[in-house]
């Protein structure tokens, strides 16, 4: 690995010495020339890329708006269906409530009639009991004979 033209001694492991390179073969070349022919070409390319980006974002926004619009329409349709079903159910409940109120009124009338009949029955039973006692007393002398 050694180069015979070297003036510097090699290190212990026979590698090149680590000296700083202060003497470069040629000074660095600064690139000042633009990739484009002129600034107008660069502006056109930038405008094209920017408009493509804006166009893509615009399409994404339009798609999102359409998605939200469909979602709102579906929600509105979905709201109409349950509302109609709810109104129908409310009508059924009101009809059933009227039937139950009518039955409750009938039940109250029947209860009053039952109480009246119970009192009459109690009166009849009392009268029958009194009549039986009266008959036993009246028939007691006949039974003794």
C-alpha atoms as a PDB file:
ATOM      1  CA  UNK A   1       0.000   0.000   0.000  1.00  0.00           C
ATOM      2  CA  UNK A   2       2.857   2.270   0.255  1.00  0.00           C
ATOM      3  CA  UNK A   3       3.447   4.745  -2.430  1.00  0.00           C
ATOM      4  CA  UNK A   4       7.104   5.233  -3.375  1.00  0.00           C
ATOM      5  CA  UNK A   5       6.590   8.853  -4.245  1.00  0.00           C
ATOM      6  CA  UNK A   6       5.508   9.847  -0.766  1.00  0.00           C
ATOM      7  CA  UNK A   7       7.605  12.152   1.262  1.00  0.00           C
ATOM      8  CA  UNK A   8       5.841  11.594   4.533  1.00  0.00           C
ATOM      9  CA  UNK A   9       6.537   8.669   6.782  1.00  0.00           C
ATOM     10  CA  UNK A  10       3.782   6.123   7.330  1.00  0.00           C
ATOM     11  CA  UNK A  11       2.240   5.462  10.703  1.00  0.00           C
ATOM     12  CA  UNK A  12       2.641   2.292  12.735  1.00  0.00           C
ATOM     13  CA  UNK A  13      -0.070   0.507  10.838  1.00  0.00           C
ATOM     14  CA  UNK A  14       1.245   1.657   7.444  1.00  0.00           C
ATOM     15  CA  UNK A  15      -1.673   3.951   6.706  1.00  0.00           C
ATOM     16  CA  UNK A  16      -1.451   7.437   5.350  1.00  0.00           C
ATOM     17  CA  UNK A  17      -0.773  10.077   7.932  1.00  0.00           C
ATOM     18  CA  UNK A  18      -3.645  12.238   8.965  1.00  0.00           C
ATOM     19  CA  UNK A  19      -2.713  15.692   7.975  1.00  0.00           C
ATOM     20  CA  UNK A  20      -5.096  18.413   7.074  1.00  0.00           C
ATOM     21  CA  UNK A  21      -5.474  19.184   3.475  1.00  0.00           C
ATOM     22  CA  UNK A  22      -4.721  22.807   3.010  1.00  0.00           C
ATOM     23  CA  UNK A  23      -3.561  22.663  -0.523  1.00  0.00           C
ATOM     24  CA  UNK A  24      -6.413  21.696  -2.806  1.00  0.00           C
ATOM     25  CA  UNK A  25      -5.785  21.064  -6.426  1.00  0.00           C
ATOM     26  CA  UNK A  26      -8.428  23.537  -7.539  1.00  0.00           C
ATOM     27  CA  UNK A  27     -10.632  26.002  -5.704  1.00  0.00           C
ATOM     28  CA  UNK A  28     -14.321  25.012  -5.245  1.00  0.00           C
ATOM     29  CA  UNK A  29     -16.536  25.911  -8.144  1.00  0.00           C
ATOM     30  CA  UNK A  30     -19.656  27.844  -7.216  1.00  0.00           C
ATOM     31  CA  UNK A  31     -22.655  26.960  -9.342  1.00  0.00           C
ATOM     32  CA  UNK A  32     -24.443  30.143 -10.058  1.00  0.00           C
ATOM     33  CA  UNK A  33     -26.117  29.106 -13.249  1.00  0.00           C
ATOM     34  CA  UNK A  34     -29.775  28.220 -12.837  1.00  0.00           C
ATOM     35  CA  UNK A  35     -31.127  24.871 -13.917  1.00  0.00           C
ATOM     36  CA  UNK A  36     -33.705  26.745 -15.958  1.00  0.00           C
ATOM     37  CA  UNK A  37     -32.964  28.894 -18.940  1.00  0.00           C
ATOM     38  CA  UNK A  38     -34.556  31.919 -17.350  1.00  0.00           C
ATOM     39  CA  UNK A  39     -36.654  32.946 -14.353  1.00  0.00           C
ATOM     40  CA  UNK A  40     -39.855  32.772 -16.383  1.00  0.00           C
ATOM     41  CA  UNK A  41     -39.383  29.037 -16.955  1.00  0.00           C
ATOM     42  CA  UNK A  42     -38.877  28.493 -13.221  1.00  0.00           C
ATOM     43  CA  UNK A  43     -41.958  30.573 -12.473  1.00  0.00           C
ATOM     44  CA  UNK A  44     -44.011  28.562 -14.986  1.00  0.00           C
ATOM     45  CA  UNK A  45     -42.883  25.267 -13.454  1.00  0.00           C
ATOM     46  CA  UNK A  46     -43.608  26.516  -9.938  1.00  0.00           C
ATOM     47  CA  UNK A  47     -47.028  27.794 -11.042  1.00  0.00           C
ATOM     48  CA  UNK A  48     -47.824  24.457 -12.697  1.00  0.00           C
ATOM     49  CA  UNK A  49     -46.807  22.460  -9.618  1.00  0.00           C
ATOM     50  CA  UNK A  50     -48.654  24.841  -7.300  1.00  0.00           C
ATOM     51  CA  UNK A  51     -51.822  24.758  -9.420  1.00  0.00           C
ATOM     52  CA  UNK A  52     -51.673  20.956  -9.555  1.00  0.00           C
ATOM     53  CA  UNK A  53     -51.469  20.896  -5.756  1.00  0.00           C
ATOM     54  CA  UNK A  54     -54.331  23.389  -5.404  1.00  0.00           C
ATOM     55  CA  UNK A  55     -56.386  21.382  -7.906  1.00  0.00           C
ATOM     56  CA  UNK A  56     -55.793  18.150  -5.974  1.00  0.00           C
ATOM     57  CA  UNK A  57     -56.711  19.787  -2.666  1.00  0.00           C
ATOM     58  CA  UNK A  58     -59.793  21.311  -4.325  1.00  0.00           C
ATOM     59  CA  UNK A  59     -60.922  17.886  -5.540  1.00  0.00           C
ATOM     60  CA  UNK A  60     -60.370  16.420  -2.087  1.00  0.00           C
ATOM     61  CA  UNK A  61     -62.441  19.217  -0.549  1.00  0.00           C
ATOM     62  CA  UNK A  62     -65.202  18.747  -3.123  1.00  0.00           C
ATOM     63  CA  UNK A  63     -65.265  15.025  -2.355  1.00  0.00           C
ATOM     64  CA  UNK A  64     -65.457  15.758   1.375  1.00  0.00           C
ATOM     65  CA  UNK A  65     -68.267  18.283   0.818  1.00  0.00           C
ATOM     66  CA  UNK A  66     -70.190  15.759  -1.279  1.00  0.00           C
ATOM     67  CA  UNK A  67     -69.648  13.104   1.382  1.00  0.00           C
ATOM     68  CA  UNK A  68     -70.968  15.442   4.080  1.00  0.00           C
ATOM     69  CA  UNK A  69     -73.918  16.451   1.872  1.00  0.00           C
ATOM     70  CA  UNK A  70     -74.876  12.798   1.314  1.00  0.00           C
ATOM     71  CA  UNK A  71     -74.473  12.165   5.026  1.00  0.00           C
ATOM     72  CA  UNK A  72     -76.761  15.103   5.834  1.00  0.00           C
ATOM     73  CA  UNK A  73     -79.333  13.926   3.257  1.00  0.00           C
ATOM     74  CA  UNK A  74     -79.268  10.408   4.663  1.00  0.00           C
ATOM     75  CA  UNK A  75     -79.609  11.788   8.165  1.00  0.00           C
ATOM     76  CA  UNK A  76     -82.571  13.940   7.091  1.00  0.00           C
ATOM     77  CA  UNK A  77     -84.229  10.970   5.383  1.00  0.00           C
ATOM     78  CA  UNK A  78     -83.489   8.823   8.388  1.00  0.00           C
ATOM     79  CA  UNK A  79     -85.031  11.492  10.602  1.00  0.00           C
ATOM     80  CA  UNK A  80     -88.239  11.578   8.551  1.00  0.00           C
ATOM     81  CA  UNK A  81     -88.825   7.844   8.728  1.00  0.00           C
ATOM     82  CA  UNK A  82     -88.582   7.544  12.518  1.00  0.00           C
ATOM     83  CA  UNK A  83     -90.667  10.709  12.919  1.00  0.00           C
ATOM     84  CA  UNK A  84     -93.499   9.169  10.844  1.00  0.00           C
ATOM     85  CA  UNK A  85     -93.212   5.913  12.773  1.00  0.00           C
ATOM     86  CA  UNK A  86     -93.135   7.839  16.057  1.00  0.00           C
ATOM     87  CA  UNK A  87     -96.270   9.803  15.078  1.00  0.00           C
ATOM     88  CA  UNK A  88     -98.033   6.566  14.153  1.00  0.00           C
ATOM     89  CA  UNK A  89     -96.994   5.005  17.455  1.00  0.00           C
ATOM     90  CA  UNK A  90     -98.174   8.093  19.364  1.00  0.00           C
ATOM     91  CA  UNK A  91    -101.585   7.841  17.654  1.00  0.00           C
ATOM     92  CA  UNK A  92    -101.807   4.171  18.625  1.00  0.00           C
ATOM     93  CA  UNK A  93    -100.881   5.015  22.218  1.00  0.00           C
ATOM     94  CA  UNK A  94    -103.450   7.810  22.388  1.00  0.00           C
ATOM     95  CA  UNK A  95    -106.131   5.479  21.009  1.00  0.00           C
ATOM     96  CA  UNK A  96    -105.176   2.790  23.526  1.00  0.00           C
ATOM     97  CA  UNK A  97    -105.130   5.394  26.308  1.00  0.00           C
ATOM     98  CA  UNK A  98    -108.700   6.441  25.425  1.00  0.00           C
ATOM     99  CA  UNK A  99    -109.777   2.795  25.447  1.00  0.00           C
ATOM    100  CA  UNK A 100    -108.183   2.287  28.859  1.00  0.00           C
ATOM    101  CA  UNK A 101    -109.769   5.454  30.247  1.00  0.00           C
ATOM    102  CA  UNK A 102    -113.131   4.243  28.953  1.00  0.00           C
ATOM    103  CA  UNK A 103    -112.526   0.830  30.510  1.00  0.00           C
ATOM    104  CA  UNK A 104    -111.474   2.524  33.745  1.00  0.00           C
ATOM    105  CA  UNK A 105    -114.724   4.500  33.749  1.00  0.00           C
ATOM    106  CA  UNK A 106    -116.642   1.296  33.078  1.00  0.00           C
ATOM    107  CA  UNK A 107    -114.669  -0.388  35.858  1.00  0.00           C
ATOM    108  CA  UNK A 108    -115.587   2.394  38.283  1.00  0.00           C
ATOM    109  CA  UNK A 109    -119.260   2.040  37.302  1.00  0.00           C
ATOM    110  CA  UNK A 110    -119.075  -1.731  37.727  1.00  0.00           C
ATOM    111  CA  UNK A 111    -117.368  -1.340  41.115  1.00  0.00           C
ATOM    112  CA  UNK A 112    -120.109   1.024  42.300  1.00  0.00           C
ATOM    113  CA  UNK A 113    -122.754  -1.409  41.058  1.00  0.00           C
ATOM    114  CA  UNK A 114    -120.932  -4.306  42.760  1.00  0.00           C
ATOM    115  CA  UNK A 115    -120.811  -2.414  46.061  1.00  0.00           C
ATOM    116  CA  UNK A 116    -124.534  -1.653  45.746  1.00  0.00           C
ATOM    117  CA  UNK A 117    -125.298  -5.315  45.025  1.00  0.00           C
ATOM    118  CA  UNK A 118    -123.060  -6.403  47.932  1.00  0.00           C
ATOM    119  CA  UNK A 119    -125.050  -4.160  50.274  1.00  0.00           C
ATOM    120  CA  UNK A 120    -128.309  -5.546  48.891  1.00  0.00           C
ATOM    121  CA  UNK A 121    -127.010  -9.091  49.317  1.00  0.00           C
ATOM    122  CA  UNK A 122    -125.979  -8.344  52.877  1.00  0.00           C
ATOM    123  CA  UNK A 123    -129.422  -6.898  53.517  1.00  0.00           C
ATOM    124  CA  UNK A 124    -131.088  -9.938  51.974  1.00  0.00           C
ATOM    125  CA  UNK A 125    -128.878 -12.299  54.004  1.00  0.00           C
ATOM    126  CA  UNK A 126    -129.707 -10.379  57.178  1.00  0.00           C
ATOM    127  CA  UNK A 127    -133.395 -10.484  56.293  1.00  0.00           C
ATOM    128  CA  UNK A 128    -133.176 -14.211  55.527  1.00  0.00           C
ATOM    129  CA  UNK A 129    -131.405 -14.852  58.796  1.00  0.00           C
ATOM    130  CA  UNK A 130    -133.995 -12.809  60.666  1.00  0.00           C
ATOM    131  CA  UNK A 131    -136.788 -14.638  58.846  1.00  0.00           C
ATOM    132  CA  UNK A 132    -135.255 -18.007  59.715  1.00  0.00           C
ATOM    133  CA  UNK A 133    -134.967 -17.042  63.382  1.00  0.00           C
ATOM    134  CA  UNK A 134    -138.537 -15.718  63.329  1.00  0.00           C
ATOM    135  CA  UNK A 135    -139.815 -18.914  61.729  1.00  0.00           C
ATOM    136  CA  UNK A 136    -137.965 -21.076  64.261  1.00  0.00           C
ATOM    137  CA  UNK A 137    -139.491 -19.122  67.109  1.00  0.00           C
ATOM    138  CA  UNK A 138    -142.940 -19.305  65.591  1.00  0.00           C
ATOM    139  CA  UNK A 139    -142.671 -22.996  64.800  1.00  0.00           C
ATOM    140  CA  UNK A 140    -141.133 -23.900  68.168  1.00  0.00           C
ATOM    141  CA  UNK A 141    -144.491 -24.491  69.890  1.00  0.00           C
ATOM    142  CA  UNK A 142    -145.639 -26.625  66.973  1.00  0.00           C
ATOM    143  CA  UNK A 143    -142.489 -28.746  67.172  1.00  0.00           C
ATOM    144  CA  UNK A 144    -143.097 -29.390  70.867  1.00  0.00           C
ATOM    145  CA  UNK A 145    -146.395 -30.993  70.187  1.00  0.00           C
END
